[in-house]
Amino acid sequence: MSTNGTRRISGWWWALLLAALFLTGCGRAPSFDVLGSFFPAWLACLGLGLVLTAAARWLLLRLHIVIALPVLTYPCLTALFAFALWLAFFR
C-alpha cells in the first residue's frame, strides 16, 4: 500500500491485463468442415495461393516473360494471393 491508502498495481498485473485485452480477438478462428475434420481457413487460402502462383508461372512462361529473381518473386506472389484471398473471403 502506498502512503495515501491506495494500492499500486505491479508491472506483471499490467502485462496480464494487456494480454487479456489483446487476446480477446483470438476467440474464434474461421475453419472449414471437410469430412468431419476441421481445417483452418488460412490453410485453404495458402493452398489456393500456391495454385494461383503455379497458374501465374505457367502464364508468364507461356508469354515468354523472364523473371529476374524467381526465388524472391514466387514466394512473394504466393503470399500476395493468400493474403488477398483471406481478405476477400474472411474479412
PDB file of N, CA and C in Angstrom:
ATOM      1  N   MET A   1       0.836  -1.189   0.000  1.00  0.00           N
ATOM      2  CA  MET A   1       0.000   0.000   0.000  1.00  0.00           C
ATOM      3  C   MET A   1       0.870   1.237   0.000  1.00  0.00           C
ATOM      4  N   SER A   2       0.398   2.218  -0.625  1.00  0.00           N
ATOM      5  CA  SER A   2       1.125   3.483  -0.630  1.00  0.00           C
ATOM      6  C   SER A   2       0.723   4.319   0.580  1.00  0.00           C
ATOM      7  N   THR A   3       1.275   5.471   0.677  1.00  0.00           N
ATOM      8  CA  THR A   3       1.048   6.293   1.869  1.00  0.00           C
ATOM      9  C   THR A   3      -0.363   6.864   1.941  1.00  0.00           C
ATOM     10  N   ASN A   4      -1.055   7.013   0.839  1.00  0.00           N
ATOM     11  CA  ASN A   4      -2.393   7.601   0.881  1.00  0.00           C
ATOM     12  C   ASN A   4      -3.492   6.537   0.950  1.00  0.00           C
ATOM     13  N   GLY A   5      -3.161   5.260   1.129  1.00  0.00           N
ATOM     14  CA  GLY A   5      -4.156   4.220   1.330  1.00  0.00           C
ATOM     15  C   GLY A   5      -4.590   3.501   0.065  1.00  0.00           C
ATOM     16  N   THR A   6      -4.092   3.872  -1.102  1.00  0.00           N
ATOM     17  CA  THR A   6      -4.458   3.176  -2.334  1.00  0.00           C
ATOM     18  C   THR A   6      -3.396   2.135  -2.657  1.00  0.00           C
ATOM     19  N   ARG A   7      -3.788   1.125  -3.389  1.00  0.00           N
ATOM     20  CA  ARG A   7      -2.852   0.060  -3.778  1.00  0.00           C
ATOM     21  C   ARG A   7      -2.302   0.347  -5.158  1.00  0.00           C
ATOM     22  N   ARG A   8      -1.037   0.034  -5.347  1.00  0.00           N
ATOM     23  CA  ARG A   8      -0.419   0.168  -6.661  1.00  0.00           C
ATOM     24  C   ARG A   8      -0.443  -1.184  -7.346  1.00  0.00           C
ATOM     25  N   ILE A   9      -0.685  -1.177  -8.622  1.00  0.00           N
ATOM     26  CA  ILE A   9      -0.688  -2.416  -9.400  1.00  0.00           C
ATOM     27  C   ILE A   9       0.714  -2.617  -9.949  1.00  0.00           C
ATOM     28  N   SER A  10       1.262  -3.812  -9.712  1.00  0.00           N
ATOM     29  CA  SER A  10       2.626  -4.069 -10.153  1.00  0.00           C
ATOM     30  C   SER A  10       2.667  -4.275 -11.669  1.00  0.00           C
ATOM     31  N   GLY A  11       3.891  -4.341 -12.202  1.00  0.00           N
ATOM     32  CA  GLY A  11       4.094  -4.441 -13.645  1.00  0.00           C
ATOM     33  C   GLY A  11       3.524  -5.696 -14.257  1.00  0.00           C
ATOM     34  N   TRP A  12       3.582  -6.834 -13.558  1.00  0.00           N
ATOM     35  CA  TRP A  12       3.084  -8.060 -14.171  1.00  0.00           C
ATOM     36  C   TRP A  12       1.571  -8.068 -14.230  1.00  0.00           C
ATOM     37  N   TRP A  13       0.898  -7.322 -13.359  1.00  0.00           N
ATOM     38  CA  TRP A  13      -0.554  -7.204 -13.468  1.00  0.00           C
ATOM     39  C   TRP A  13      -0.928  -6.406 -14.717  1.00  0.00           C
ATOM     40  N   TRP A  14      -0.148  -5.379 -15.022  1.00  0.00           N
ATOM     41  CA  TRP A  14      -0.404  -4.618 -16.243  1.00  0.00           C
ATOM     42  C   TRP A  14      -0.198  -5.494 -17.469  1.00  0.00           C
ATOM     43  N   ALA A  15       0.858  -6.321 -17.445  1.00  0.00           N
ATOM     44  CA  ALA A  15       1.114  -7.229 -18.568  1.00  0.00           C
ATOM     45  C   ALA A  15      -0.028  -8.225 -18.735  1.00  0.00           C
ATOM     46  N   LEU A  16      -0.540  -8.744 -17.637  1.00  0.00           N
ATOM     47  CA  LEU A  16      -1.666  -9.677 -17.683  1.00  0.00           C
ATOM     48  C   LEU A  16      -2.921  -9.000 -18.212  1.00  0.00           C
ATOM     49  N   LEU A  17      -3.148  -7.773 -17.790  1.00  0.00           N
ATOM     50  CA  LEU A  17      -4.309  -7.021 -18.259  1.00  0.00           C
ATOM     51  C   LEU A  17      -4.211  -6.745 -19.761  1.00  0.00           C
ATOM     52  N   LEU A  18      -3.042  -6.340 -20.219  1.00  0.00           N
ATOM     53  CA  LEU A  18      -2.859  -6.093 -21.652  1.00  0.00           C
ATOM     54  C   LEU A  18      -2.969  -7.380 -22.472  1.00  0.00           C
ATOM     55  N   ALA A  19      -2.444  -8.484 -21.957  1.00  0.00           N
ATOM     56  CA  ALA A  19      -2.556  -9.758 -22.663  1.00  0.00           C
ATOM     57  C   ALA A  19      -4.013 -10.175 -22.794  1.00  0.00           C
ATOM     58  N   ALA A  20      -4.788 -10.005 -21.735  1.00  0.00           N
ATOM     59  CA  ALA A  20      -6.214 -10.346 -21.792  1.00  0.00           C
ATOM     60  C   ALA A  20      -6.948  -9.451 -22.779  1.00  0.00           C
ATOM     61  N   LEU A  21      -6.538  -8.195 -22.852  1.00  0.00           N
ATOM     62  CA  LEU A  21      -7.173  -7.267 -23.777  1.00  0.00           C
ATOM     63  C   LEU A  21      -6.869  -7.635 -25.226  1.00  0.00           C
ATOM     64  N   PHE A  22      -5.608  -7.965 -25.525  1.00  0.00           N
ATOM     65  CA  PHE A  22      -5.222  -8.261 -26.902  1.00  0.00           C
ATOM     66  C   PHE A  22      -5.614  -9.668 -27.337  1.00  0.00           C
ATOM     67  N   LEU A  23      -5.791 -10.594 -26.426  1.00  0.00           N
ATOM     68  CA  LEU A  23      -6.131 -11.961 -26.803  1.00  0.00           C
ATOM     69  C   LEU A  23      -7.631 -12.183 -26.964  1.00  0.00           C
ATOM     70  N   THR A  24      -8.432 -11.162 -26.754  1.00  0.00           N
ATOM     71  CA  THR A  24      -9.865 -11.333 -26.948  1.00  0.00           C
ATOM     72  C   THR A  24     -10.214 -11.531 -28.413  1.00  0.00           C
ATOM     73  N   GLY A  25      -9.365 -11.083 -29.326  1.00  0.00           N
ATOM     74  CA  GLY A  25      -9.599 -11.286 -30.751  1.00  0.00           C
ATOM     75  C   GLY A  25      -9.323 -12.711 -31.196  1.00  0.00           C
ATOM     76  N   CYS A  26      -8.731 -13.533 -30.348  1.00  0.00           N
ATOM     77  CA  CYS A  26      -8.400 -14.914 -30.699  1.00  0.00           C
ATOM     78  C   CYS A  26      -9.514 -15.869 -30.308  1.00  0.00           C
ATOM     79  N   GLY A  27     -10.713 -15.378 -30.160  1.00  0.00           N
ATOM     80  CA  GLY A  27     -11.810 -16.211 -29.695  1.00  0.00           C
ATOM     81  C   GLY A  27     -12.244 -17.283 -30.684  1.00  0.00           C
ATOM     82  N   ARG A  28     -12.317 -16.959 -31.950  1.00  0.00           N
ATOM     83  CA  ARG A  28     -12.805 -17.915 -32.940  1.00  0.00           C
ATOM     84  C   ARG A  28     -11.987 -17.779 -34.208  1.00  0.00           C
ATOM     85  N   ALA A  29     -11.466 -18.878 -34.661  1.00  0.00           N
ATOM     86  CA  ALA A  29     -10.728 -18.892 -35.917  1.00  0.00           C
ATOM     87  C   ALA A  29     -11.620 -19.508 -36.990  1.00  0.00           C
ATOM     88  N   PRO A  30     -11.704 -18.884 -38.172  1.00  0.00           N
ATOM     89  CA  PRO A  30     -12.520 -19.462 -39.237  1.00  0.00           C
ATOM     90  C   PRO A  30     -11.959 -20.810 -39.685  1.00  0.00           C
ATOM     91  N   SER A  31     -12.851 -21.779 -39.847  1.00  0.00           N
ATOM     92  CA  SER A  31     -12.418 -23.103 -40.272  1.00  0.00           C
ATOM     93  C   SER A  31     -13.481 -23.720 -41.170  1.00  0.00           C
ATOM     94  N   PHE A  32     -13.060 -24.736 -41.920  1.00  0.00           N
ATOM     95  CA  PHE A  32     -13.948 -25.465 -42.820  1.00  0.00           C
ATOM     96  C   PHE A  32     -14.150 -26.868 -42.291  1.00  0.00           C
ATOM     97  N   ASP A  33     -15.355 -27.387 -42.443  1.00  0.00           N
ATOM     98  CA  ASP A  33     -15.636 -28.766 -42.085  1.00  0.00           C
ATOM     99  C   ASP A  33     -15.502 -29.618 -43.341  1.00  0.00           C
ATOM    100  N   VAL A  34     -14.455 -30.445 -43.373  1.00  0.00           N
ATOM    101  CA  VAL A  34     -14.208 -31.325 -44.521  1.00  0.00           C
ATOM    102  C   VAL A  34     -14.247 -32.761 -44.021  1.00  0.00           C
ATOM    103  N   LEU A  35     -15.305 -33.485 -44.375  1.00  0.00           N
ATOM    104  CA  LEU A  35     -15.495 -34.879 -43.975  1.00  0.00           C
ATOM    105  C   LEU A  35     -15.362 -35.071 -42.464  1.00  0.00           C
ATOM    106  N   GLY A  36     -15.917 -34.146 -41.710  1.00  0.00           N
ATOM    107  CA  GLY A  36     -15.922 -34.265 -40.259  1.00  0.00           C
ATOM    108  C   GLY A  36     -14.685 -33.737 -39.569  1.00  0.00           C
ATOM    109  N   SER A  37     -13.717 -33.277 -40.316  1.00  0.00           N
ATOM    110  CA  SER A  37     -12.490 -32.735 -39.726  1.00  0.00           C
ATOM    111  C   SER A  37     -12.417 -31.249 -40.056  1.00  0.00           C
ATOM    112  N   PHE A  38     -12.035 -30.451 -39.073  1.00  0.00           N
ATOM    113  CA  PHE A  38     -11.982 -29.009 -39.273  1.00  0.00           C
ATOM    114  C   PHE A  38     -10.588 -28.573 -39.711  1.00  0.00           C
ATOM    115  N   PHE A  39     -10.517 -27.838 -40.817  1.00  0.00           N
ATOM    116  CA  PHE A  39      -9.270 -27.302 -41.338  1.00  0.00           C
ATOM    117  C   PHE A  39      -9.305 -25.788 -41.209  1.00  0.00           C
ATOM    118  N   PRO A  40      -8.193 -25.194 -40.797  1.00  0.00           N
ATOM    119  CA  PRO A  40      -8.194 -23.728 -40.671  1.00  0.00           C
ATOM    120  C   PRO A  40      -8.296 -23.052 -42.034  1.00  0.00           C
ATOM    121  N   ALA A  41      -8.942 -21.901 -42.051  1.00  0.00           N
ATOM    122  CA  ALA A  41      -9.170 -21.189 -43.301  1.00  0.00           C
ATOM    123  C   ALA A  41      -7.870 -20.669 -43.901  1.00  0.00           C
ATOM    124  N   TRP A  42      -6.891 -20.330 -43.063  1.00  0.00           N
ATOM    125  CA  TRP A  42      -5.626 -19.832 -43.614  1.00  0.00           C
ATOM    126  C   TRP A  42      -4.920 -20.911 -44.418  1.00  0.00           C
ATOM    127  N   LEU A  43      -5.124 -22.169 -44.045  1.00  0.00           N
ATOM    128  CA  LEU A  43      -4.511 -23.261 -44.787  1.00  0.00           C
ATOM    129  C   LEU A  43      -5.142 -23.387 -46.174  1.00  0.00           C
ATOM    130  N   ALA A  44      -6.438 -23.195 -46.248  1.00  0.00           N
ATOM    131  CA  ALA A  44      -7.121 -23.224 -47.548  1.00  0.00           C
ATOM    132  C   ALA A  44      -6.669 -22.048 -48.419  1.00  0.00           C
ATOM    133  N   CYS A  45      -6.504 -20.866 -47.809  1.00  0.00           N
ATOM    134  CA  CYS A  45      -6.037 -19.704 -48.569  1.00  0.00           C
ATOM    135  C   CYS A  45      -4.608 -19.913 -49.070  1.00  0.00           C
ATOM    136  N   LEU A  46      -3.775 -20.537 -48.247  1.00  0.00           N
ATOM    137  CA  LEU A  46      -2.401 -20.807 -48.673  1.00  0.00           C
ATOM    138  C   LEU A  46      -2.375 -21.810 -49.826  1.00  0.00           C
ATOM    139  N   GLY A  47      -3.191 -22.846 -49.749  1.00  0.00           N
ATOM    140  CA  GLY A  47      -3.256 -23.830 -50.827  1.00  0.00           C
ATOM    141  C   GLY A  47      -3.737 -23.215 -52.126  1.00  0.00           C
ATOM    142  N   LEU A  48      -4.776 -22.381 -52.043  1.00  0.00           N
ATOM    143  CA  LEU A  48      -5.258 -21.704 -53.253  1.00  0.00           C
ATOM    144  C   LEU A  48      -4.232 -20.694 -53.769  1.00  0.00           C
ATOM    145  N   GLY A  49      -3.491 -20.079 -52.858  1.00  0.00           N
ATOM    146  CA  GLY A  49      -2.425 -19.163 -53.270  1.00  0.00           C
ATOM    147  C   GLY A  49      -1.331 -19.883 -54.030  1.00  0.00           C
ATOM    148  N   LEU A  50      -0.991 -21.092 -53.598  1.00  0.00           N
ATOM    149  CA  LEU A  50       0.003 -21.889 -54.318  1.00  0.00           C
ATOM    150  C   LEU A  50      -0.490 -22.268 -55.709  1.00  0.00           C
ATOM    151  N   VAL A  51      -1.756 -22.640 -55.803  1.00  0.00           N
ATOM    152  CA  VAL A  51      -2.329 -23.000 -57.109  1.00  0.00           C
ATOM    153  C   VAL A  51      -2.341 -21.781 -58.035  1.00  0.00           C
ATOM    154  N   LEU A  52      -2.716 -20.616 -57.502  1.00  0.00           N
ATOM    155  CA  LEU A  52      -2.727 -19.403 -58.328  1.00  0.00           C
ATOM    156  C   LEU A  52      -1.323 -18.987 -58.738  1.00  0.00           C
ATOM    157  N   THR A  53      -0.334 -19.215 -57.861  1.00  0.00           N
ATOM    158  CA  THR A  53       1.049 -18.910 -58.229  1.00  0.00           C
ATOM    159  C   THR A  53       1.536 -19.831 -59.339  1.00  0.00           C
ATOM    160  N   ALA A  54       1.171 -21.093 -59.282  1.00  0.00           N
ATOM    161  CA  ALA A  54       1.543 -22.025 -60.349  1.00  0.00           C
ATOM    162  C   ALA A  54       0.888 -21.613 -61.668  1.00  0.00           C
ATOM    163  N   ALA A  55      -0.360 -21.152 -61.600  1.00  0.00           N
ATOM    164  CA  ALA A  55      -1.040 -20.683 -62.808  1.00  0.00           C
ATOM    165  C   ALA A  55      -0.380 -19.414 -63.352  1.00  0.00           C
ATOM    166  N   ALA A  56       0.032 -18.512 -62.445  1.00  0.00           N
ATOM    167  CA  ALA A  56       0.711 -17.295 -62.888  1.00  0.00           C
ATOM    168  C   ALA A  56       2.071 -17.627 -63.505  1.00  0.00           C
ATOM    169  N   ARG A  57       2.770 -18.608 -62.951  1.00  0.00           N
ATOM    170  CA  ARG A  57       4.058 -19.022 -63.522  1.00  0.00           C
ATOM    171  C   ARG A  57       3.861 -19.614 -64.914  1.00  0.00           C
ATOM    172  N   TRP A  58       2.835 -20.440 -65.059  1.00  0.00           N
ATOM    173  CA  TRP A  58       2.542 -21.015 -66.370  1.00  0.00           C
ATOM    174  C   TRP A  58       2.229 -19.911 -67.382  1.00  0.00           C
ATOM    175  N   LEU A  59       1.449 -18.905 -66.939  1.00  0.00           N
ATOM    176  CA  LEU A  59       1.098 -17.803 -67.833  1.00  0.00           C
ATOM    177  C   LEU A  59       2.339 -16.991 -68.208  1.00  0.00           C
ATOM    178  N   LEU A  60       3.230 -16.735 -67.249  1.00  0.00           N
ATOM    179  CA  LEU A  60       4.459 -15.994 -67.541  1.00  0.00           C
ATOM    180  C   LEU A  60       5.371 -16.769 -68.496  1.00  0.00           C
ATOM    181  N   LEU A  61       5.460 -18.080 -68.302  1.00  0.00           N
ATOM    182  CA  LEU A  61       6.261 -18.890 -69.226  1.00  0.00           C
ATOM    183  C   LEU A  61       5.641 -18.914 -70.609  1.00  0.00           C
ATOM    184  N   ARG A  62       4.337 -18.971 -70.667  1.00  0.00           N
ATOM    185  CA  ARG A  62       3.629 -19.010 -71.947  1.00  0.00           C
ATOM    186  C   ARG A  62       3.813 -17.717 -72.732  1.00  0.00           C
ATOM    187  N   LEU A  63       3.879 -16.592 -71.992  1.00  0.00           N
ATOM    188  CA  LEU A  63       4.048 -15.291 -72.633  1.00  0.00           C
ATOM    189  C   LEU A  63       5.517 -14.918 -72.822  1.00  0.00           C
ATOM    190  N   HIS A  64       6.438 -15.822 -72.453  1.00  0.00           N
ATOM    191  CA  HIS A  64       7.885 -15.622 -72.577  1.00  0.00           C
ATOM    192  C   HIS A  64       8.378 -14.400 -71.801  1.00  0.00           C
ATOM    193  N   ILE A  65       7.842 -14.217 -70.596  1.00  0.00           N
ATOM    194  CA  ILE A  65       8.276 -13.137 -69.721  1.00  0.00           C
ATOM    195  C   ILE A  65       9.295 -13.712 -68.746  1.00  0.00           C
ATOM    196  N   VAL A  66      10.477 -13.123 -68.721  1.00  0.00           N
ATOM    197  CA  VAL A  66      11.569 -13.620 -67.876  1.00  0.00           C
ATOM    198  C   VAL A  66      11.526 -12.893 -66.543  1.00  0.00           C
ATOM    199  N   ILE A  67      11.549 -13.664 -65.466  1.00  0.00           N
ATOM    200  CA  ILE A  67      11.572 -13.115 -64.115  1.00  0.00           C
ATOM    201  C   ILE A  67      13.025 -13.031 -63.656  1.00  0.00           C
ATOM    202  N   ALA A  68      13.441 -11.867 -63.164  1.00  0.00           N
ATOM    203  CA  ALA A  68      14.839 -11.660 -62.787  1.00  0.00           C
ATOM    204  C   ALA A  68      15.210 -12.457 -61.528  1.00  0.00           C
ATOM    205  N   LEU A  69      14.383 -12.417 -60.508  1.00  0.00           N
ATOM    206  CA  LEU A  69      14.648 -13.127 -59.248  1.00  0.00           C
ATOM    207  C   LEU A  69      13.489 -14.076 -58.929  1.00  0.00           C
ATOM    208  N   PRO A  70      13.442 -15.236 -59.554  1.00  0.00           N
ATOM    209  CA  PRO A  70      12.314 -16.137 -59.301  1.00  0.00           C
ATOM    210  C   PRO A  70      12.280 -16.671 -57.868  1.00  0.00           C
ATOM    211  N   VAL A  71      13.442 -16.746 -57.219  1.00  0.00           N
ATOM    212  CA  VAL A  71      13.477 -17.237 -55.837  1.00  0.00           C
ATOM    213  C   VAL A  71      12.738 -16.278 -54.911  1.00  0.00           C
ATOM    214  N   LEU A  72      12.746 -15.002 -55.234  1.00  0.00           N
ATOM    215  CA  LEU A  72      12.049 -13.999 -54.446  1.00  0.00           C
ATOM    216  C   LEU A  72      10.632 -13.753 -54.957  1.00  0.00           C
ATOM    217  N   THR A  73      10.454 -13.830 -56.259  1.00  0.00           N
ATOM    218  CA  THR A  73       9.181 -13.469 -56.872  1.00  0.00           C
ATOM    219  C   THR A  73       8.056 -14.448 -56.536  1.00  0.00           C
ATOM    220  N   TYR A  74       8.313 -15.734 -56.670  1.00  0.00           N
ATOM    221  CA  TYR A  74       7.228 -16.707 -56.497  1.00  0.00           C
ATOM    222  C   TYR A  74       6.754 -16.853 -55.052  1.00  0.00           C
ATOM    223  N   PRO A  75       7.620 -16.852 -54.041  1.00  0.00           N
ATOM    224  CA  PRO A  75       7.079 -16.844 -52.668  1.00  0.00           C
ATOM    225  C   PRO A  75       6.287 -15.575 -52.346  1.00  0.00           C
ATOM    226  N   CYS A  76       6.749 -14.439 -52.860  1.00  0.00           N
ATOM    227  CA  CYS A  76       6.005 -13.195 -52.636  1.00  0.00           C
ATOM    228  C   CYS A  76       4.661 -13.216 -53.360  1.00  0.00           C
ATOM    229  N   LEU A  77       4.635 -13.803 -54.532  1.00  0.00           N
ATOM    230  CA  LEU A  77       3.386 -13.929 -55.275  1.00  0.00           C
ATOM    231  C   LEU A  77       2.421 -14.869 -54.552  1.00  0.00           C
ATOM    232  N   THR A  78       2.949 -15.943 -53.971  1.00  0.00           N
ATOM    233  CA  THR A  78       2.116 -16.853 -53.181  1.00  0.00           C
ATOM    234  C   THR A  78       1.524 -16.133 -51.977  1.00  0.00           C
ATOM    235  N   ALA A  79       2.349 -15.357 -51.277  1.00  0.00           N
ATOM    236  CA  ALA A  79       1.855 -14.598 -50.124  1.00  0.00           C
ATOM    237  C   ALA A  79       0.809 -13.575 -50.545  1.00  0.00           C
ATOM    238  N   LEU A  80       1.044 -12.903 -51.648  1.00  0.00           N
ATOM    239  CA  LEU A  80       0.077 -11.924 -52.150  1.00  0.00           C
ATOM    240  C   LEU A  80      -1.269 -12.570 -52.435  1.00  0.00           C
ATOM    241  N   PHE A  81      -1.259 -13.698 -53.132  1.00  0.00           N
ATOM    242  CA  PHE A  81      -2.514 -14.385 -53.439  1.00  0.00           C
ATOM    243  C   PHE A  81      -3.196 -14.889 -52.166  1.00  0.00           C
ATOM    244  N   ALA A  82      -2.430 -15.453 -51.235  1.00  0.00           N
ATOM    245  CA  ALA A  82      -3.014 -15.982 -49.998  1.00  0.00           C
ATOM    246  C   ALA A  82      -3.634 -14.866 -49.169  1.00  0.00           C
ATOM    247  N   PHE A  83      -2.942 -13.733 -49.028  1.00  0.00           N
ATOM    248  CA  PHE A  83      -3.490 -12.621 -48.245  1.00  0.00           C
ATOM    249  C   PHE A  83      -4.701 -12.004 -48.928  1.00  0.00           C
ATOM    250  N   ALA A  84      -4.658 -11.910 -50.238  1.00  0.00           N
ATOM    251  CA  ALA A  84      -5.804 -11.357 -50.975  1.00  0.00           C
ATOM    252  C   ALA A  84      -7.026 -12.269 -50.843  1.00  0.00           C
ATOM    253  N   LEU A  85      -6.822 -13.562 -50.910  1.00  0.00           N
ATOM    254  CA  LEU A  85      -7.944 -14.500 -50.723  1.00  0.00           C
ATOM    255  C   LEU A  85      -8.504 -14.400 -49.315  1.00  0.00           C
ATOM    256  N   TRP A  86      -7.618 -14.282 -48.331  1.00  0.00           N
ATOM    257  CA  TRP A  86      -8.066 -14.162 -46.944  1.00  0.00           C
ATOM    258  C   TRP A  86      -8.912 -12.889 -46.776  1.00  0.00           C
ATOM    259  N   LEU A  87      -8.440 -11.792 -47.317  1.00  0.00           N
ATOM    260  CA  LEU A  87      -9.198 -10.541 -47.200  1.00  0.00           C
ATOM    261  C   LEU A  87     -10.508 -10.599 -47.970  1.00  0.00           C
ATOM    262  N   ALA A  88     -10.504 -11.246 -49.106  1.00  0.00           N
ATOM    263  CA  ALA A  88     -11.713 -11.306 -49.920  1.00  0.00           C
ATOM    264  C   ALA A  88     -12.807 -12.172 -49.289  1.00  0.00           C
ATOM    265  N   PHE A  89     -12.409 -13.275 -48.648  1.00  0.00           N
ATOM    266  CA  PHE A  89     -13.411 -14.221 -48.151  1.00  0.00           C
ATOM    267  C   PHE A  89     -13.681 -14.164 -46.652  1.00  0.00           C
ATOM    268  N   PHE A  90     -12.746 -13.642 -45.862  1.00  0.00           N
ATOM    269  CA  PHE A  90     -12.905 -13.747 -44.413  1.00  0.00           C
ATOM    270  C   PHE A  90     -12.875 -12.415 -43.672  1.00  0.00           C
ATOM    271  N   ARG A  91     -12.748 -11.301 -44.336  1.00  0.00           N
ATOM    272  CA  ARG A  91     -12.764 -10.005 -43.658  1.00  0.00           C
ATOM    273  C   ARG A  91     -13.802  -9.117 -44.243  1.00  0.00           C
TER     274      ARG A  91
END
